[in-house]
Protein backbone atom coordinates (compact mmCIF):
# COMPACT_ATOMS: atom_id res chain seq x y z
CA MET A 1 10.93 -0.43 2.25
CA SER A 2 7.86 1.42 3.52
CA LEU A 3 4.30 0.17 3.17
CA SER A 4 3.47 2.97 0.74
CA ASP A 5 6.37 1.98 -1.53
CA ILE A 6 5.25 -1.66 -1.58
CA VAL A 7 1.55 -0.92 -2.19
CA SER A 8 2.33 1.64 -4.89
CA ARG A 9 4.38 -0.98 -6.76
CA LEU A 10 1.51 -3.46 -6.50
CA LEU A 11 -0.90 -0.88 -7.89
CA ALA A 12 1.47 0.07 -10.71
CA ASN A 13 1.52 -3.53 -11.93
CA PRO A 14 -1.65 -4.30 -13.96
CA ASP A 15 -1.77 -7.93 -12.81
CA THR A 16 -1.56 -7.27 -9.06
CA ARG A 17 -3.80 -4.21 -9.42
CA ALA A 18 -6.48 -6.46 -10.89
CA GLU A 19 -6.03 -8.92 -8.00
CA LEU A 20 -6.37 -6.10 -5.46
CA ARG A 21 -9.78 -5.21 -6.90
CA TYR A 22 -11.23 -8.43 -5.48
CA SER A 23 -12.71 -6.57 -2.49
CA HIS A 24 -14.38 -3.97 -4.72
CA GLU A 25 -15.83 -6.68 -6.96
CA TYR A 26 -16.96 -8.68 -3.93
CA ASP A 27 -18.75 -5.65 -2.49
CA ASN A 28 -20.53 -5.07 -5.80
CA ARG A 29 -21.39 -8.66 -6.72
CA GLU A 30 -24.91 -9.44 -7.82
CA ASN A 31 -27.37 -11.33 -5.64
CA PRO A 32 -25.32 -11.85 -2.44
CA GLU A 33 -26.70 -14.51 -0.12
CA PRO A 34 -28.55 -12.96 2.85
CA ASN A 35 -27.37 -13.67 6.40
CA VAL A 36 -24.19 -15.39 5.15
CA ILE A 37 -20.72 -14.22 6.18
CA ALA A 38 -18.29 -15.76 3.71
CA ASP A 39 -15.54 -13.13 3.88
CA PHE A 40 -14.19 -10.23 5.93
CA PHE A 41 -16.12 -7.73 3.81
CA GLU A 42 -19.48 -8.94 5.10
CA GLY A 43 -18.68 -8.07 8.71
CA GLU A 44 -20.55 -5.29 10.53
CA GLU A 45 -17.42 -3.26 11.38
CA TYR A 46 -16.27 -3.20 7.77
CA LYS A 47 -19.71 -2.18 6.52
CA ALA A 48 -19.93 0.61 9.11
CA PHE A 49 -16.46 1.86 8.13
CA LYS A 50 -17.30 1.76 4.42
CA ASN A 51 -20.59 3.58 4.95
CA ASN A 52 -18.63 6.43 6.54
CA ASN A 53 -17.44 7.52 3.06
CA ASN A 54 -14.55 5.04 2.90
CA PHE A 55 -13.59 2.66 0.08
CA GLN A 56 -15.00 5.03 -2.51
CA SER A 57 -12.44 3.97 -5.12
CA LYS A 58 -12.06 0.53 -6.69
CA ASN A 59 -8.32 0.89 -6.05
CA ASP A 60 -8.59 1.41 -2.28
CA VAL A 61 -6.83 -1.32 -0.33
CA ALA A 62 -7.84 -3.06 2.93
CA ILE A 63 -5.12 -4.58 5.13
CA ALA A 64 -4.58 -6.21 8.53
CA LEU A 65 -1.46 -5.75 10.68
CA VAL A 66 -0.08 -8.91 12.31
CA ASN A 67 2.83 -9.65 14.62
CA ASP A 68 4.32 -12.99 15.60
CA GLY A 69 7.30 -14.13 17.67
CA PHE A 70 9.51 -17.06 16.72
CA VAL A 71 12.87 -18.66 17.55
CA THR A 72 15.42 -20.27 15.26
CA THR A 73 16.89 -22.79 17.72
CA LYS A 74 15.38 -25.39 20.06
CA ARG A 75 16.82 -23.62 23.09
CA GLY A 76 15.17 -20.40 22.02
CA GLY A 77 18.01 -18.17 23.18
CA ARG A 78 16.99 -15.34 20.88
CA LEU A 79 13.45 -14.24 20.09
CA TYR A 80 12.51 -12.70 16.77
CA THR A 81 9.37 -10.64 16.28
CA MET A 82 7.99 -10.22 12.79
CA ILE A 83 5.52 -7.48 11.91
CA HIS A 84 3.77 -8.10 8.63
CA VAL A 85 0.69 -7.17 6.65
CA ILE A 86 -2.13 -9.35 5.33
CA VAL A 87 -3.67 -7.67 2.29
CA LEU A 88 -7.37 -8.31 2.79
CA SER A 89 -8.18 -6.94 -0.66
CA TYR A 90 -6.81 -10.12 -2.21
CA ASP A 91 -8.99 -13.16 -2.75
CA PRO A 92 -8.97 -15.27 0.48
CA GLN A 93 -7.50 -18.16 -1.52
CA LYS A 94 -4.41 -15.99 -2.07
CA ARG A 95 -4.13 -13.46 0.76
CA TYR A 96 -2.60 -15.83 3.35
CA LYS A 97 0.08 -17.28 1.07
CA ASP A 98 3.70 -16.24 1.56
CA GLY A 99 3.96 -14.54 -1.81
CA TYR A 100 1.05 -12.23 -0.98
CA LEU A 101 2.09 -11.20 2.54
CA ILE A 102 4.05 -8.00 3.14
CA GLN A 103 6.87 -8.20 5.69
CA LEU A 104 7.58 -4.82 7.27
CA CYS A 105 10.28 -5.64 9.82
CA ILE A 106 11.88 -8.31 12.04
CA LEU A 107 13.06 -7.36 15.53
CA SER A 108 15.46 -9.53 17.52
CA GLY A 109 16.39 -9.84 21.19
CA LYS A 110 16.57 -12.25 24.12
CA LYS A 111 12.95 -11.39 24.85
CA LYS A 112 10.21 -9.31 23.27
CA HIS A 113 11.97 -6.30 21.81
CA ALA A 114 11.73 -3.28 24.09
CA SER A 115 11.30 -1.04 21.06
CA PHE A 116 8.27 -2.92 19.72
CA ALA A 117 5.93 -0.04 20.57
CA SER A 118 8.35 2.44 18.99
CA TYR A 119 8.52 0.52 15.71
CA LEU A 120 4.77 0.00 15.80
CA SER A 121 4.10 3.70 16.30
CA MET A 122 6.02 4.54 13.10
CA ILE A 123 4.09 1.90 11.14
CA LEU A 124 0.76 3.17 12.50
CA ALA A 125 1.70 6.75 11.64
CA GLU A 126 2.30 5.78 8.01
CA MET A 127 -0.93 3.79 7.94
CA HIS A 128 -2.85 6.78 9.28
CA TYR A 129 -1.37 8.96 6.51
CA LEU A 130 -2.26 6.41 3.80
CA SER A 131 -5.81 6.14 5.17
CA THR A 132 -6.30 9.92 5.29
CA TYR A 133 -4.58 11.10 2.10
CA ARG A 134 -5.03 9.43 -1.26
CA MET A 135 -1.86 7.99 -2.77
CA VAL A 136 -1.19 8.88 -6.42
CA VAL A 137 0.57 6.23 -8.51
CA LYS A 138 1.72 6.68 -12.10
CA THR A 139 1.91 3.39 -13.97
CA PRO A 140 4.50 2.49 -16.64
CA ASP A 141 1.81 3.05 -19.31
CA ASN A 142 1.09 6.54 -17.88
CA GLN A 143 -2.16 5.75 -16.08
CA ILE A 144 -2.86 7.64 -12.85
CA ILE A 145 -4.06 5.41 -9.99
CA ARG A 146 -5.42 6.98 -6.81
CA SER A 147 -5.75 4.85 -3.71
CA LYS A 148 -6.15 4.90 0.06
CA VAL A 149 -4.92 2.11 2.31
CA HIS A 150 -7.06 1.26 5.35
CA CYS A 151 -5.86 -0.98 8.19
CA LEU A 152 -8.99 -2.64 9.55
CA ALA A 153 -7.70 -5.38 11.86
CA PHE A 154 -4.77 -6.26 14.13
CA GLY A 155 -3.79 -9.76 15.12
CA GLY A 156 -1.54 -12.75 15.63
CA ASP A 157 -1.49 -15.60 18.11
CA THR A 158 -2.60 -14.99 21.70
CA LEU A 159 0.73 -13.41 22.69
CA GLY A 160 0.89 -11.42 19.47
CA VAL A 161 -2.55 -9.93 20.08
CA PHE A 162 -1.56 -9.15 23.68
CA GLU A 163 1.33 -7.03 22.38
CA PHE A 164 -1.20 -5.04 20.39
CA SER A 165 -4.03 -4.83 22.93
CA ARG A 166 -2.11 -4.83 26.26
CA ALA A 167 -5.20 -6.56 27.68
CA ALA A 168 -5.45 -9.80 29.61
CA TYR A 169 -2.24 -11.79 29.65
CA LYS A 170 -3.21 -15.40 28.86
CA SER A 171 -2.51 -16.81 32.35
CA SER A 172 -4.36 -14.10 34.31
CA ASN A 173 -7.81 -14.48 35.85
CA LEU A 174 -9.27 -12.08 33.28
CA GLY A 175 -7.31 -13.81 30.55
CA CYS A 176 -9.57 -13.19 27.58
CA GLN A 177 -8.50 -10.22 25.47
CA ILE A 178 -11.95 -9.52 24.07
CA CYS A 179 -14.33 -10.09 27.00
CA TYR A 180 -14.56 -10.28 30.79
CA THR A 181 -14.95 -14.00 31.34
CA HIS A 182 -13.22 -15.20 34.53
CA GLY A 183 -10.70 -18.01 34.31
CA VAL A 184 -10.94 -21.15 36.43
CA HIS A 185 -8.46 -23.93 37.15
CA PRO A 186 -9.61 -27.46 36.25
CA ASN A 187 -10.42 -29.82 39.13
CA ASN A 188 -9.02 -27.43 41.74
CA ARG A 189 -5.54 -27.62 40.24
CA SER A 190 -3.17 -24.68 40.46
CA TYR A 191 -2.16 -24.87 36.78
CA GLY A 192 -4.11 -24.53 33.56
CA MET A 193 -6.70 -21.82 32.95
CA TYR A 194 -10.08 -22.22 31.28
CA PHE A 195 -12.66 -19.58 30.40
CA PRO A 196 -16.06 -21.29 30.30
CA ASP A 197 -18.38 -18.25 30.28
CA SER A 198 -19.15 -17.61 26.61
CA ASN A 199 -21.74 -14.96 27.48
CA ALA A 200 -19.42 -12.59 29.35
CA PRO A 201 -19.64 -8.90 28.33
CA LEU A 202 -17.22 -7.72 25.65
CA ARG A 203 -14.49 -5.21 26.39
CA THR A 204 -15.17 -1.83 24.78
CA ARG A 205 -12.96 0.64 22.96
CA GLN A 206 -13.24 2.93 25.98
CA ASP A 207 -11.90 0.11 28.18
CA TYR A 208 -8.74 -0.02 26.05
CA LEU A 209 -8.44 3.76 26.39
CA ASP A 210 -8.90 3.68 30.18
CA ALA A 211 -6.53 0.68 30.53
CA ASP A 212 -7.66 -0.09 34.08
CA PRO A 213 -5.22 -2.67 35.58
CA VAL A 214 -8.05 -4.03 37.74
CA LEU A 215 -9.67 -5.18 34.49
CA GLY A 216 -6.53 -6.95 33.32
CA PHE A 217 -4.83 -4.19 31.31
CA SER A 218 -1.08 -3.70 31.50
CA GLY A 219 -0.93 -0.25 29.97
CA ARG A 220 -2.82 1.60 27.26
CA SER A 221 -2.75 -0.02 23.86
CA ILE A 222 -1.04 1.97 21.12
CA LEU A 223 -3.88 0.83 18.86
CA THR A 224 -6.20 3.32 20.56
CA GLN A 225 -4.52 6.07 18.51
CA PRO A 226 -6.04 5.09 15.12
CA ASP A 227 -9.71 6.03 14.74
CA VAL A 228 -10.36 2.73 12.95
CA PHE A 229 -9.71 0.68 16.12
CA ALA A 230 -13.15 -0.41 17.35
CA GLY A 231 -12.08 -2.49 20.34
CA PRO A 232 -12.24 -6.30 20.37
CA GLN A 233 -13.99 -6.32 16.99
CA SER A 234 -10.70 -5.12 15.46
CA LEU A 235 -8.64 -8.01 16.87
CA ILE A 236 -8.07 -11.21 14.92
CA PHE A 237 -6.49 -14.41 16.25
CA ASP A 238 -4.61 -17.31 14.71
CA GLU A 239 -7.08 -20.14 15.19
CA LEU A 240 -4.76 -23.01 16.12
CA PRO A 241 -2.93 -21.32 19.05
CA VAL A 242 -6.23 -20.00 20.43
CA VAL A 243 -7.90 -23.42 20.37
CA SER A 244 -4.87 -25.28 21.75
CA LYS A 245 -4.48 -22.88 24.67
């Protein structure tokens, strides 16, 4: 089932449609605390995107696209890659629960599926259409709901984000996918990589477009096609794998 089919069914249901209006209500709440970031919708990139004549309808939906690899046996003979959607328009107490996630596809193979970019390109093409042209949904009680769907972030664990960004494989010297900190081995050992410079300059959107291998890129990211991709500010990471590695 396509993303548009799934979102249109959510909007046609009065209960889930009300839940999806969390982001609109959050944006329009009274007396927000200054200098406090309590949710995605207080970030600078979201505000800049909204101020460019986006999210004009209370039924517009914000999403994030996530991919993750997993195995089903201890030997790990076959790798599965799941591409799914986090619906950011839901309340954060709900949006990360299984029942609120949208699974788009699962790819299988002995290693990362060679057609990952091909599948991803089709998903991004649909997302671009839903972000450009307003979807019209007729509800069972004959209401007409108009909505756009905007993908504002892309993420996963460190390897999942690498598949999106094509920048800085985790064991390389320039192993950070969002900045240019240089990795060092601990105590002159040849294994393990740490990135101590927290003030290194951020990668830019143009860097992802140029995809210079000298700067740690292994090809141009397919994410550079959507206009919404802002560079490292559009990448989100699972916290536990990032901290543990």
